[in-house]
C-alpha cells in the first residue's frame, strides 16, 4: 500500500499572496520617498500629489490587510495538511492513502484532505487547524470560534460545520463508487490539528466523529471498525478508480 498525493494548489496560492503582501507592504514607503524627493528638488508644495499619495498609502494598507488574512488562512491549512501527512506515513502499511483527493460527481465537487481505503473500510479525514474555543453541534450549519488574547481583548467569528462538510464529501464519493457498481460504507472524522484549540461541541449523530491532536487521531484510526468490511478485490478496483481522479 502507498500514499497517493494530488498537487496542492494552495502552496502556489500562498506563494503568490506572500509576494503580494511584500509589494503592498513596501509600497507606502516607496510612495513617501518619491513624494519627498520630488518636493525637495522642485522646492514647491504639491497638494494634489500629497492627496494622491495619501490615498495610495491607505489603499495599500487595506490591500495588505486583506491579503494577510487570506494568506494566514491558507498557511494555517497547509500546516494542518503537513501534520496530516505525517500521520498518513504511520498508516501507509495498513491503508491505501490519498491526500488532497479531488472528487466530482455531476455538478457536485469537493476535495478530501485524506482518504484511507483498505479491507477495513473507507475513512475520510478532514483536517482543520483552527485555534481558540469552538462551540457548536453536529446539526448546526455554522460553528462559533472564540479567541482570547493576552491583552484582554477577544474576537468571535464563524466557521462552516466540518461534520456537514464530510457528510457532503461522503455523498459525492458514494455516488462516484455507485456509478462503478460499488455500494460501500464510508465513515469520516474531523481532525483538529492545532494544539491551541478547545472543543465545546454537542455531538449526537452516529457519524459525528471529531478528534483533537495527532494522538487522538492515531487512536481513532487504530480502533476504527467499519459497519461493513470490503473484499480485497473490491479494494483494488476502488483504489484504481480513485487514482484516475488525481
C-alpha atoms as a PDB file:
ATOM      1  CA  UNK A   1       0.000   0.000   0.000  1.00  0.00           C
ATOM      2  CA  UNK A   2       1.155   3.559  -0.620  1.00  0.00           C
ATOM      3  CA  UNK A   3       0.386   7.244  -0.265  1.00  0.00           C
ATOM      4  CA  UNK A   4      -1.096   8.885  -3.350  1.00  0.00           C
ATOM      5  CA  UNK A   5      -0.939  12.664  -3.362  1.00  0.00           C
ATOM      6  CA  UNK A   6      -2.571  15.189  -5.651  1.00  0.00           C
ATOM      7  CA  UNK A   7      -0.963  18.539  -6.425  1.00  0.00           C
ATOM      8  CA  UNK A   8      -1.792  21.097  -3.768  1.00  0.00           C
ATOM      9  CA  UNK A   9      -2.734  24.401  -5.426  1.00  0.00           C
ATOM     10  CA  UNK A  10      -2.735  26.124  -2.030  1.00  0.00           C
ATOM     11  CA  UNK A  11       1.079  26.136  -1.966  1.00  0.00           C
ATOM     12  CA  UNK A  12       1.197  28.218  -5.126  1.00  0.00           C
ATOM     13  CA  UNK A  13      -1.580  30.480  -3.852  1.00  0.00           C
ATOM     14  CA  UNK A  14       0.310  31.013  -0.587  1.00  0.00           C
ATOM     15  CA  UNK A  15       3.436  31.970  -2.535  1.00  0.00           C
ATOM     16  CA  UNK A  16       1.557  34.476  -4.675  1.00  0.00           C
ATOM     17  CA  UNK A  17      -0.145  36.016  -1.640  1.00  0.00           C
ATOM     18  CA  UNK A  18       3.188  36.306   0.180  1.00  0.00           C
ATOM     19  CA  UNK A  19       4.765  38.176  -2.747  1.00  0.00           C
ATOM     20  CA  UNK A  20       1.747  40.494  -2.989  1.00  0.00           C
ATOM     21  CA  UNK A  21       1.995  41.205   0.743  1.00  0.00           C
ATOM     22  CA  UNK A  22       5.627  42.237   0.306  1.00  0.00           C
ATOM     23  CA  UNK A  23       4.729  44.514  -2.609  1.00  0.00           C
ATOM     24  CA  UNK A  24       1.803  46.258  -0.904  1.00  0.00           C
ATOM     25  CA  UNK A  25       3.654  46.331   2.415  1.00  0.00           C
ATOM     26  CA  UNK A  26       6.622  48.227   0.980  1.00  0.00           C
ATOM     27  CA  UNK A  27       4.641  50.385  -1.458  1.00  0.00           C
ATOM     28  CA  UNK A  28       3.720  53.111   1.096  1.00  0.00           C
ATOM     29  CA  UNK A  29       7.402  53.660   1.917  1.00  0.00           C
ATOM     30  CA  UNK A  30       8.252  53.872  -1.786  1.00  0.00           C
ATOM     31  CA  UNK A  31       5.443  56.389  -2.399  1.00  0.00           C
ATOM     32  CA  UNK A  32       6.607  58.562   0.510  1.00  0.00           C
ATOM     33  CA  UNK A  33      10.210  58.541  -0.698  1.00  0.00           C
ATOM     34  CA  UNK A  34       9.185  59.504  -4.255  1.00  0.00           C
ATOM     35  CA  UNK A  35       6.939  62.307  -2.951  1.00  0.00           C
ATOM     36  CA  UNK A  36       9.648  63.619  -0.597  1.00  0.00           C
ATOM     37  CA  UNK A  37      12.305  63.616  -3.325  1.00  0.00           C
ATOM     38  CA  UNK A  38      10.010  65.354  -5.801  1.00  0.00           C
ATOM     39  CA  UNK A  39       9.095  68.053  -3.261  1.00  0.00           C
ATOM     40  CA  UNK A  40      12.739  68.527  -2.274  1.00  0.00           C
ATOM     41  CA  UNK A  41      14.064  69.012  -5.784  1.00  0.00           C
ATOM     42  CA  UNK A  42      11.099  71.096  -7.021  1.00  0.00           C
ATOM     43  CA  UNK A  43      11.007  73.237  -3.902  1.00  0.00           C
ATOM     44  CA  UNK A  44       7.234  73.509  -4.273  1.00  0.00           C
ATOM     45  CA  UNK A  45       4.234  72.250  -2.342  1.00  0.00           C
ATOM     46  CA  UNK A  46       2.323  69.647  -4.321  1.00  0.00           C
ATOM     47  CA  UNK A  47      -1.055  69.441  -2.568  1.00  0.00           C
ATOM     48  CA  UNK A  48      -2.674  67.353  -5.282  1.00  0.00           C
ATOM     49  CA  UNK A  49       0.173  64.839  -5.235  1.00  0.00           C
ATOM     50  CA  UNK A  50       0.023  64.791  -1.456  1.00  0.00           C
ATOM     51  CA  UNK A  51      -3.647  63.742  -1.536  1.00  0.00           C
ATOM     52  CA  UNK A  52      -2.944  61.154  -4.228  1.00  0.00           C
ATOM     53  CA  UNK A  53      -0.053  59.695  -2.229  1.00  0.00           C
ATOM     54  CA  UNK A  54      -2.126  59.615   0.951  1.00  0.00           C
ATOM     55  CA  UNK A  55      -4.928  57.796  -0.867  1.00  0.00           C
ATOM     56  CA  UNK A  56      -2.432  55.337  -2.374  1.00  0.00           C
ATOM     57  CA  UNK A  57      -0.958  54.609   1.058  1.00  0.00           C
ATOM     58  CA  UNK A  58      -4.413  53.982   2.568  1.00  0.00           C
ATOM     59  CA  UNK A  59      -5.385  51.669  -0.308  1.00  0.00           C
ATOM     60  CA  UNK A  60      -2.110  49.763   0.046  1.00  0.00           C
ATOM     61  CA  UNK A  61      -2.830  49.346   3.753  1.00  0.00           C
ATOM     62  CA  UNK A  62      -6.296  47.901   3.092  1.00  0.00           C
ATOM     63  CA  UNK A  63      -4.913  45.608   0.390  1.00  0.00           C
ATOM     64  CA  UNK A  64      -2.185  44.388   2.740  1.00  0.00           C
ATOM     65  CA  UNK A  65      -4.711  43.558   5.481  1.00  0.00           C
ATOM     66  CA  UNK A  66      -6.962  41.618   3.091  1.00  0.00           C
ATOM     67  CA  UNK A  67      -4.031  39.711   1.571  1.00  0.00           C
ATOM     68  CA  UNK A  68      -2.625  38.975   5.022  1.00  0.00           C
ATOM     69  CA  UNK A  69      -5.901  37.446   6.172  1.00  0.00           C
ATOM     70  CA  UNK A  70      -6.158  35.250   3.092  1.00  0.00           C
ATOM     71  CA  UNK A  71      -2.520  34.200   3.437  1.00  0.00           C
ATOM     72  CA  UNK A  72      -2.962  33.275   7.111  1.00  0.00           C
ATOM     73  CA  UNK A  73      -5.997  31.127   6.283  1.00  0.00           C
ATOM     74  CA  UNK A  74      -4.169  29.235   3.522  1.00  0.00           C
ATOM     75  CA  UNK A  75      -0.951  28.948   5.555  1.00  0.00           C
ATOM     76  CA  UNK A  76      -2.910  27.600   8.515  1.00  0.00           C
ATOM     77  CA  UNK A  77      -4.456  24.966   6.243  1.00  0.00           C
ATOM     78  CA  UNK A  78      -1.045  23.999   4.875  1.00  0.00           C
ATOM     79  CA  UNK A  79       0.266  23.492   8.414  1.00  0.00           C
ATOM     80  CA  UNK A  80      -2.651  21.183   9.156  1.00  0.00           C
ATOM     81  CA  UNK A  81      -2.054  19.220   5.958  1.00  0.00           C
ATOM     82  CA  UNK A  82       1.638  18.832   6.826  1.00  0.00           C
ATOM     83  CA  UNK A  83       0.715  17.287  10.167  1.00  0.00           C
ATOM     84  CA  UNK A  84      -1.811  15.059   8.411  1.00  0.00           C
ATOM     85  CA  UNK A  85       0.890  13.879   6.015  1.00  0.00           C
ATOM     86  CA  UNK A  86       2.983  12.701   8.983  1.00  0.00           C
ATOM     87  CA  UNK A  87       0.058  10.677  10.274  1.00  0.00           C
ATOM     88  CA  UNK A  88      -0.507   9.188   6.817  1.00  0.00           C
ATOM     89  CA  UNK A  89       3.034   7.797   6.852  1.00  0.00           C
ATOM     90  CA  UNK A  90       2.272   5.911  10.072  1.00  0.00           C
ATOM     91  CA  UNK A  91      -0.664   4.093   8.494  1.00  0.00           C
ATOM     92  CA  UNK A  92       0.527   3.574   4.921  1.00  0.00           C
ATOM     93  CA  UNK A  93       1.195  -0.135   5.587  1.00  0.00           C
ATOM     94  CA  UNK A  94      -2.437  -0.732   6.533  1.00  0.00           C
ATOM     95  CA  UNK A  95      -4.270   1.582   4.134  1.00  0.00           C
ATOM     96  CA  UNK A  96      -4.131   2.942   0.625  1.00  0.00           C
ATOM     97  CA  UNK A  97      -3.993   6.653   1.384  1.00  0.00           C
ATOM     98  CA  UNK A  98      -4.979   9.590  -0.825  1.00  0.00           C
ATOM     99  CA  UNK A  99      -4.031  13.150   0.121  1.00  0.00           C
ATOM    100  CA  UNK A 100      -5.794  16.208  -1.352  1.00  0.00           C
ATOM    101  CA  UNK A 101      -8.059  13.985  -3.448  1.00  0.00           C
ATOM    102  CA  UNK A 102     -10.364  15.969  -5.788  1.00  0.00           C
ATOM    103  CA  UNK A 103     -13.783  14.343  -6.164  1.00  0.00           C
ATOM    104  CA  UNK A 104     -16.575  15.252  -8.547  1.00  0.00           C
ATOM    105  CA  UNK A 105     -19.954  13.775  -9.391  1.00  0.00           C
ATOM    106  CA  UNK A 106     -22.061  15.654 -11.905  1.00  0.00           C
ATOM    107  CA  UNK A 107     -22.145  19.268 -10.627  1.00  0.00           C
ATOM    108  CA  UNK A 108     -21.034  18.422  -7.098  1.00  0.00           C
ATOM    109  CA  UNK A 109     -17.342  18.644  -6.323  1.00  0.00           C
ATOM    110  CA  UNK A 110     -15.051  18.818  -3.325  1.00  0.00           C
ATOM    111  CA  UNK A 111     -11.552  17.892  -2.153  1.00  0.00           C
ATOM    112  CA  UNK A 112     -10.817  15.316   0.534  1.00  0.00           C
ATOM    113  CA  UNK A 113      -7.819  16.085   2.752  1.00  0.00           C
ATOM    114  CA  UNK A 114      -7.109  12.409   3.405  1.00  0.00           C
ATOM    115  CA  UNK A 115      -8.927   9.292   2.259  1.00  0.00           C
ATOM    116  CA  UNK A 116      -7.982   5.888   3.675  1.00  0.00           C
ATOM    117  CA  UNK A 117      -9.011   2.712   1.836  1.00  0.00           C
ATOM    118  CA  UNK A 118      -8.475  -0.925   2.828  1.00  0.00           C
ATOM    119  CA  UNK A 119     -10.380  -4.107   3.579  1.00  0.00           C
ATOM    120  CA  UNK A 120     -11.070  -2.493   6.953  1.00  0.00           C
ATOM    121  CA  UNK A 121     -13.202   0.127   5.228  1.00  0.00           C
ATOM    122  CA  UNK A 122     -13.082   3.646   3.800  1.00  0.00           C
ATOM    123  CA  UNK A 123     -12.399   6.628   6.033  1.00  0.00           C
ATOM    124  CA  UNK A 124     -12.467  10.349   5.207  1.00  0.00           C
ATOM    125  CA  UNK A 125     -10.250  12.593   7.350  1.00  0.00           C
ATOM    126  CA  UNK A 126     -10.893  16.335   7.228  1.00  0.00           C
ATOM    127  CA  UNK A 127      -8.156  18.439   8.853  1.00  0.00           C
ATOM    128  CA  UNK A 128      -8.758  21.835  10.475  1.00  0.00           C
ATOM    129  CA  UNK A 129      -6.044  23.997  12.019  1.00  0.00           C
ATOM    130  CA  UNK A 130      -8.318  26.396  13.915  1.00  0.00           C
ATOM    131  CA  UNK A 131      -7.367  27.699  17.342  1.00  0.00           C
ATOM    132  CA  UNK A 132      -9.406  29.148  20.191  1.00  0.00           C
ATOM    133  CA  UNK A 133     -12.666  27.763  21.553  1.00  0.00           C
ATOM    134  CA  UNK A 134     -15.097  26.182  19.103  1.00  0.00           C
ATOM    135  CA  UNK A 135     -18.761  25.897  20.053  1.00  0.00           C
ATOM    136  CA  UNK A 136     -21.482  24.125  18.085  1.00  0.00           C
ATOM    137  CA  UNK A 137     -23.304  20.878  17.401  1.00  0.00           C
ATOM    138  CA  UNK A 138     -23.392  18.357  14.574  1.00  0.00           C
ATOM    139  CA  UNK A 139     -26.725  19.820  13.429  1.00  0.00           C
ATOM    140  CA  UNK A 140     -25.597  23.462  13.210  1.00  0.00           C
ATOM    141  CA  UNK A 141     -24.707  24.938   9.840  1.00  0.00           C
ATOM    142  CA  UNK A 142     -22.080  27.174  11.440  1.00  0.00           C
ATOM    143  CA  UNK A 143     -19.861  26.878  14.498  1.00  0.00           C
ATOM    144  CA  UNK A 144     -18.691  29.809  16.634  1.00  0.00           C
ATOM    145  CA  UNK A 145     -14.982  30.421  17.167  1.00  0.00           C
ATOM    146  CA  UNK A 146     -13.886  32.474  20.179  1.00  0.00           C
ATOM    147  CA  UNK A 147     -10.337  33.736  20.643  1.00  0.00           C
ATOM    148  CA  UNK A 148      -8.991  35.392  23.783  1.00  0.00           C
ATOM    149  CA  UNK A 149      -5.716  37.309  23.699  1.00  0.00           C
ATOM    150  CA  UNK A 150      -3.154  38.244  26.361  1.00  0.00           C
ATOM    151  CA  UNK A 151      -4.004  41.941  26.160  1.00  0.00           C
ATOM    152  CA  UNK A 152      -7.556  41.167  27.275  1.00  0.00           C
ATOM    153  CA  UNK A 153      -9.482  41.591  24.025  1.00  0.00           C
ATOM    154  CA  UNK A 154     -11.343  38.761  22.331  1.00  0.00           C
ATOM    155  CA  UNK A 155     -12.808  38.008  18.928  1.00  0.00           C
ATOM    156  CA  UNK A 156     -15.770  35.994  17.719  1.00  0.00           C
ATOM    157  CA  UNK A 157     -16.154  34.515  14.240  1.00  0.00           C
ATOM    158  CA  UNK A 158     -17.913  31.660  12.475  1.00  0.00           C
ATOM    159  CA  UNK A 159     -16.754  28.607  10.559  1.00  0.00           C
ATOM    160  CA  UNK A 160     -18.725  26.144   8.466  1.00  0.00           C
ATOM    161  CA  UNK A 161     -19.633  22.949  10.281  1.00  0.00           C
ATOM    162  CA  UNK A 162     -16.910  20.477   9.144  1.00  0.00           C
ATOM    163  CA  UNK A 163     -19.115  17.489  10.018  1.00  0.00           C
ATOM    164  CA  UNK A 164     -21.589  18.605   7.367  1.00  0.00           C
ATOM    165  CA  UNK A 165     -18.647  19.111   5.003  1.00  0.00           C
ATOM    166  CA  UNK A 166     -17.633  15.467   5.478  1.00  0.00           C
ATOM    167  CA  UNK A 167     -21.262  14.403   5.004  1.00  0.00           C
ATOM    168  CA  UNK A 168     -21.285  16.147   1.628  1.00  0.00           C
ATOM    169  CA  UNK A 169     -17.961  14.564   0.654  1.00  0.00           C
ATOM    170  CA  UNK A 170     -19.285  11.156   1.682  1.00  0.00           C
ATOM    171  CA  UNK A 171     -22.316  11.505  -0.577  1.00  0.00           C
ATOM    172  CA  UNK A 172     -20.220  12.612  -3.561  1.00  0.00           C
ATOM    173  CA  UNK A 173     -17.815   9.706  -3.069  1.00  0.00           C
ATOM    174  CA  UNK A 174     -20.661   7.228  -2.594  1.00  0.00           C
ATOM    175  CA  UNK A 175     -22.251   8.362  -5.854  1.00  0.00           C
ATOM    176  CA  UNK A 176     -18.928   8.017  -7.687  1.00  0.00           C
ATOM    177  CA  UNK A 177     -18.420   4.474  -6.447  1.00  0.00           C
ATOM    178  CA  UNK A 178     -22.070   3.515  -7.045  1.00  0.00           C
ATOM    179  CA  UNK A 179     -21.697   4.627 -10.647  1.00  0.00           C
ATOM    180  CA  UNK A 180     -18.974   1.951 -10.896  1.00  0.00           C
ATOM    181  CA  UNK A 181     -21.096  -0.697  -9.194  1.00  0.00           C
ATOM    182  CA  UNK A 182     -19.713  -0.413  -5.628  1.00  0.00           C
ATOM    183  CA  UNK A 183     -22.013   0.332  -2.707  1.00  0.00           C
ATOM    184  CA  UNK A 184     -19.689   0.570   0.300  1.00  0.00           C
ATOM    185  CA  UNK A 185     -19.807   2.047   3.774  1.00  0.00           C
ATOM    186  CA  UNK A 186     -17.856   5.298   4.220  1.00  0.00           C
ATOM    187  CA  UNK A 187     -17.056   6.917   7.553  1.00  0.00           C
ATOM    188  CA  UNK A 188     -15.465  10.258   8.363  1.00  0.00           C
ATOM    189  CA  UNK A 189     -13.623  12.056  11.143  1.00  0.00           C
ATOM    190  CA  UNK A 190     -12.761  15.726  11.665  1.00  0.00           C
ATOM    191  CA  UNK A 191      -9.200  16.230  12.903  1.00  0.00           C
ATOM    192  CA  UNK A 192      -8.321  19.489  14.688  1.00  0.00           C
ATOM    193  CA  UNK A 193      -4.533  19.679  14.480  1.00  0.00           C
ATOM    194  CA  UNK A 194      -3.857  22.943  16.346  1.00  0.00           C
ATOM    195  CA  UNK A 195      -2.784  22.313  19.978  1.00  0.00           C
ATOM    196  CA  UNK A 196      -4.356  25.662  20.957  1.00  0.00           C
ATOM    197  CA  UNK A 197      -7.929  24.567  20.204  1.00  0.00           C
ATOM    198  CA  UNK A 198     -10.653  23.812  22.745  1.00  0.00           C
ATOM    199  CA  UNK A 199     -13.779  21.971  21.627  1.00  0.00           C
ATOM    200  CA  UNK A 200     -17.169  22.533  23.235  1.00  0.00           C
ATOM    201  CA  UNK A 201     -19.327  20.535  20.861  1.00  0.00           C
ATOM    202  CA  UNK A 202     -22.676  18.854  21.228  1.00  0.00           C
ATOM    203  CA  UNK A 203     -22.315  15.698  19.154  1.00  0.00           C
ATOM    204  CA  UNK A 204     -25.083  13.115  18.973  1.00  0.00           C
ATOM    205  CA  UNK A 205     -25.052  11.812  15.386  1.00  0.00           C
ATOM    206  CA  UNK A 206     -23.684   8.372  14.518  1.00  0.00           C
ATOM    207  CA  UNK A 207     -21.219   9.862  12.025  1.00  0.00           C
ATOM    208  CA  UNK A 208     -20.184  12.850  14.166  1.00  0.00           C
ATOM    209  CA  UNK A 209     -16.574  11.890  14.806  1.00  0.00           C
ATOM    210  CA  UNK A 210     -14.270  14.694  15.984  1.00  0.00           C
ATOM    211  CA  UNK A 211     -10.744  14.364  17.413  1.00  0.00           C
ATOM    212  CA  UNK A 212      -8.203  16.878  18.672  1.00  0.00           C
ATOM    213  CA  UNK A 213      -4.486  16.261  18.268  1.00  0.00           C
ATOM    214  CA  UNK A 214      -2.417  13.620  16.491  1.00  0.00           C
ATOM    215  CA  UNK A 215      -2.652  11.095  19.344  1.00  0.00           C
ATOM    216  CA  UNK A 216      -6.445  11.116  19.279  1.00  0.00           C
ATOM    217  CA  UNK A 217      -6.499  10.708  15.507  1.00  0.00           C
ATOM    218  CA  UNK A 218      -3.999   7.844  15.647  1.00  0.00           C
ATOM    219  CA  UNK A 219      -6.100   6.100  18.263  1.00  0.00           C
ATOM    220  CA  UNK A 220      -9.268   6.652  16.255  1.00  0.00           C
ATOM    221  CA  UNK A 221      -7.685   5.090  13.158  1.00  0.00           C
ATOM    222  CA  UNK A 222      -6.197   2.145  15.069  1.00  0.00           C
ATOM    223  CA  UNK A 223      -9.513   1.440  16.822  1.00  0.00           C
ATOM    224  CA  UNK A 224     -11.681   2.088  13.771  1.00  0.00           C
ATOM    225  CA  UNK A 225     -14.148  -0.691  12.932  1.00  0.00           C
ATOM    226  CA  UNK A 226     -16.441  -0.159   9.930  1.00  0.00           C
ATOM    227  CA  UNK A 227     -20.066  -1.254   9.739  1.00  0.00           C
ATOM    228  CA  UNK A 228     -19.057  -3.481   6.822  1.00  0.00           C
ATOM    229  CA  UNK A 229     -15.646  -4.584   5.560  1.00  0.00           C
ATOM    230  CA  UNK A 230     -14.616  -4.643   1.897  1.00  0.00           C
ATOM    231  CA  UNK A 231     -13.316  -7.558  -0.168  1.00  0.00           C
ATOM    232  CA  UNK A 232      -9.691  -7.250  -1.243  1.00  0.00           C
ATOM    233  CA  UNK A 233     -10.607  -7.498  -4.948  1.00  0.00           C
ATOM    234  CA  UNK A 234     -13.088  -4.631  -4.481  1.00  0.00           C
ATOM    235  CA  UNK A 235     -10.464  -2.579  -2.623  1.00  0.00           C
ATOM    236  CA  UNK A 236      -8.081  -2.928  -5.569  1.00  0.00           C
ATOM    237  CA  UNK A 237     -10.770  -1.797  -8.011  1.00  0.00           C
ATOM    238  CA  UNK A 238     -11.822   1.138  -5.824  1.00  0.00           C
ATOM    239  CA  UNK A 239      -8.194   2.275  -5.472  1.00  0.00           C
ATOM    240  CA  UNK A 240      -7.827   2.080  -9.245  1.00  0.00           C
ATOM    241  CA  UNK A 241     -10.921   4.271  -9.691  1.00  0.00           C
ATOM    242  CA  UNK A 242      -9.644   6.833  -7.190  1.00  0.00           C
ATOM    243  CA  UNK A 243      -6.179   7.023  -8.766  1.00  0.00           C
ATOM    244  CA  UNK A 244      -7.762   8.188 -12.013  1.00  0.00           C
ATOM    245  CA  UNK A 245      -9.158  11.191 -10.128  1.00  0.00           C
ATOM    246  CA  UNK A 246      -5.741  12.521  -9.074  1.00  0.00           C
END
